Amino acid sequence: MSDVQARIDKMVKDHDVFLFMKGTPDMPQCGFSMRAVTILNHLGVDFGSFNVLSDMEVRQGIKEYANWPTIPQLYVRGEFLGGSDIMLEMFQNGELESEIKG
């Protein structure tokens, strides 16, 4: 495992819910990241996050880590759940809250 992959793995596994996003929860830098944060905040979820715009190695590395080309990316208990569209669909049908509250 490369250094960046090890860093990503640690971030994901150190938090029950973790979001790789563009920007920060207080200031998302794209609409998809804003949607992801809004959903998590609506559910009252305590989550960790990482601003991929602050580190190009992580920005590229996360795409390889999950084999998923886009950001944001949501992880729950160390497992990749999906991006913004999947989060929205899961939120709307109640699956996201069930998955997070586990």
Protein backbone atom coordinates (compact mmCIF):
# COMPACT_ATOMS: atom_id res chain seq x y z
CA MET A 1 0.00 0.00 0.00
CA SER A 2 1.39 3.40 -0.97
CA ASP A 3 1.81 6.18 1.59
CA VAL A 4 -1.23 8.06 0.28
CA GLN A 5 -3.35 4.90 0.29
CA ALA A 6 -2.28 4.24 3.89
CA ARG A 7 -3.23 7.82 4.84
CA ILE A 8 -6.64 7.42 3.20
CA ASP A 9 -7.17 4.03 4.84
CA LYS A 10 -6.41 5.51 8.28
CA MET A 11 -8.83 8.44 7.76
CA VAL A 12 -11.61 6.11 6.65
CA LYS A 13 -11.09 3.64 9.48
CA ASP A 14 -10.63 6.24 12.25
CA HIS A 15 -14.21 7.53 11.85
CA ASP A 16 -17.57 5.76 11.75
CA VAL A 17 -18.66 8.16 9.00
CA PHE A 18 -16.15 9.91 6.77
CA LEU A 19 -16.64 12.15 3.74
CA PHE A 20 -14.03 13.06 1.15
CA MET A 21 -15.29 16.29 -0.35
CA LYS A 22 -14.37 19.48 -2.16
CA GLY A 23 -14.17 22.14 0.51
CA THR A 24 -15.14 21.78 4.14
CA PRO A 25 -18.47 21.04 5.85
CA ASP A 26 -18.70 24.74 6.74
CA MET A 27 -17.82 25.83 3.19
CA PRO A 28 -18.40 23.19 0.50
CA GLN A 29 -16.75 24.09 -2.80
CA CYS A 30 -19.14 22.27 -5.16
CA GLY A 31 -22.84 21.50 -5.29
CA PHE A 32 -22.35 17.76 -4.90
CA SER A 33 -20.28 18.21 -1.74
CA MET A 34 -22.87 20.68 -0.44
CA ARG A 35 -25.60 18.11 -1.05
CA ALA A 36 -23.63 15.41 0.81
CA VAL A 37 -23.01 17.68 3.82
CA THR A 38 -26.65 18.80 3.87
CA ILE A 39 -27.86 15.19 3.95
CA LEU A 40 -25.47 14.20 6.75
CA ASN A 41 -26.34 17.32 8.76
CA HIS A 42 -30.06 16.66 8.28
CA LEU A 43 -29.55 13.16 9.71
CA GLY A 44 -27.62 14.65 12.64
CA VAL A 45 -24.56 12.57 11.82
CA ASP A 46 -21.19 13.31 13.40
CA PHE A 47 -18.72 12.79 10.55
CA GLY A 48 -15.10 13.35 9.70
CA SER A 49 -14.13 14.95 6.43
CA PHE A 50 -11.19 15.76 4.22
CA ASN A 51 -10.95 18.58 1.70
CA VAL A 52 -9.46 16.95 -1.41
CA LEU A 53 -8.71 20.41 -2.84
CA SER A 54 -6.04 20.79 -0.17
CA ASP A 55 -4.02 17.73 -1.24
CA MET A 56 -3.76 16.57 -4.84
CA GLU A 57 -2.23 13.22 -3.82
CA VAL A 58 -5.30 12.39 -1.73
CA ARG A 59 -7.61 13.79 -4.43
CA GLN A 60 -6.22 11.30 -6.94
CA GLY A 61 -5.56 8.55 -4.41
CA ILE A 62 -9.16 8.43 -3.18
CA LYS A 63 -10.37 7.71 -6.71
CA GLU A 64 -8.07 4.69 -6.83
CA TYR A 65 -8.81 3.63 -3.24
CA ALA A 66 -12.53 3.26 -3.94
CA ASN A 67 -12.27 2.64 -7.66
CA TRP A 68 -14.76 5.50 -7.95
CA PRO A 69 -13.98 8.46 -10.24
CA THR A 70 -15.87 11.27 -8.52
CA ILE A 71 -15.91 13.24 -5.30
CA PRO A 72 -17.60 13.40 -2.80
CA GLN A 73 -17.18 9.90 -1.46
CA LEU A 74 -18.87 8.64 1.69
CA TYR A 75 -17.50 5.86 3.90
CA VAL A 76 -19.40 4.22 6.75
CA ARG A 77 -17.49 2.03 9.19
CA GLY A 78 -14.60 1.75 6.73
CA GLU A 79 -16.75 0.74 3.75
CA PHE A 80 -17.32 2.88 0.65
CA LEU A 81 -21.02 3.74 0.32
CA GLY A 82 -21.05 5.98 -2.72
CA GLY A 83 -21.08 9.49 -4.02
CA SER A 84 -23.59 12.31 -3.92
CA ASP A 85 -26.22 10.71 -6.17
CA ILE A 86 -26.14 7.40 -4.29
CA MET A 87 -26.32 9.27 -0.98
CA LEU A 88 -29.38 11.20 -2.17
CA GLU A 89 -31.14 8.06 -3.37
CA MET A 90 -30.35 6.21 -0.13
CA PHE A 91 -31.45 9.22 1.93
CA GLN A 92 -34.75 9.48 0.08
CA ASN A 93 -35.62 5.81 0.56
CA GLY A 94 -34.43 5.67 4.21
CA GLU A 95 -31.49 3.35 3.58
CA LEU A 96 -28.80 5.91 4.41
CA GLU A 97 -30.04 6.57 7.93
CA SER A 98 -30.38 2.82 8.55
CA GLU A 99 -26.87 2.19 7.24
CA ILE A 100 -25.29 4.96 9.30
CA LYS A 101 -27.17 4.19 12.52
CA GLY A 102 -26.41 0.50 11.80
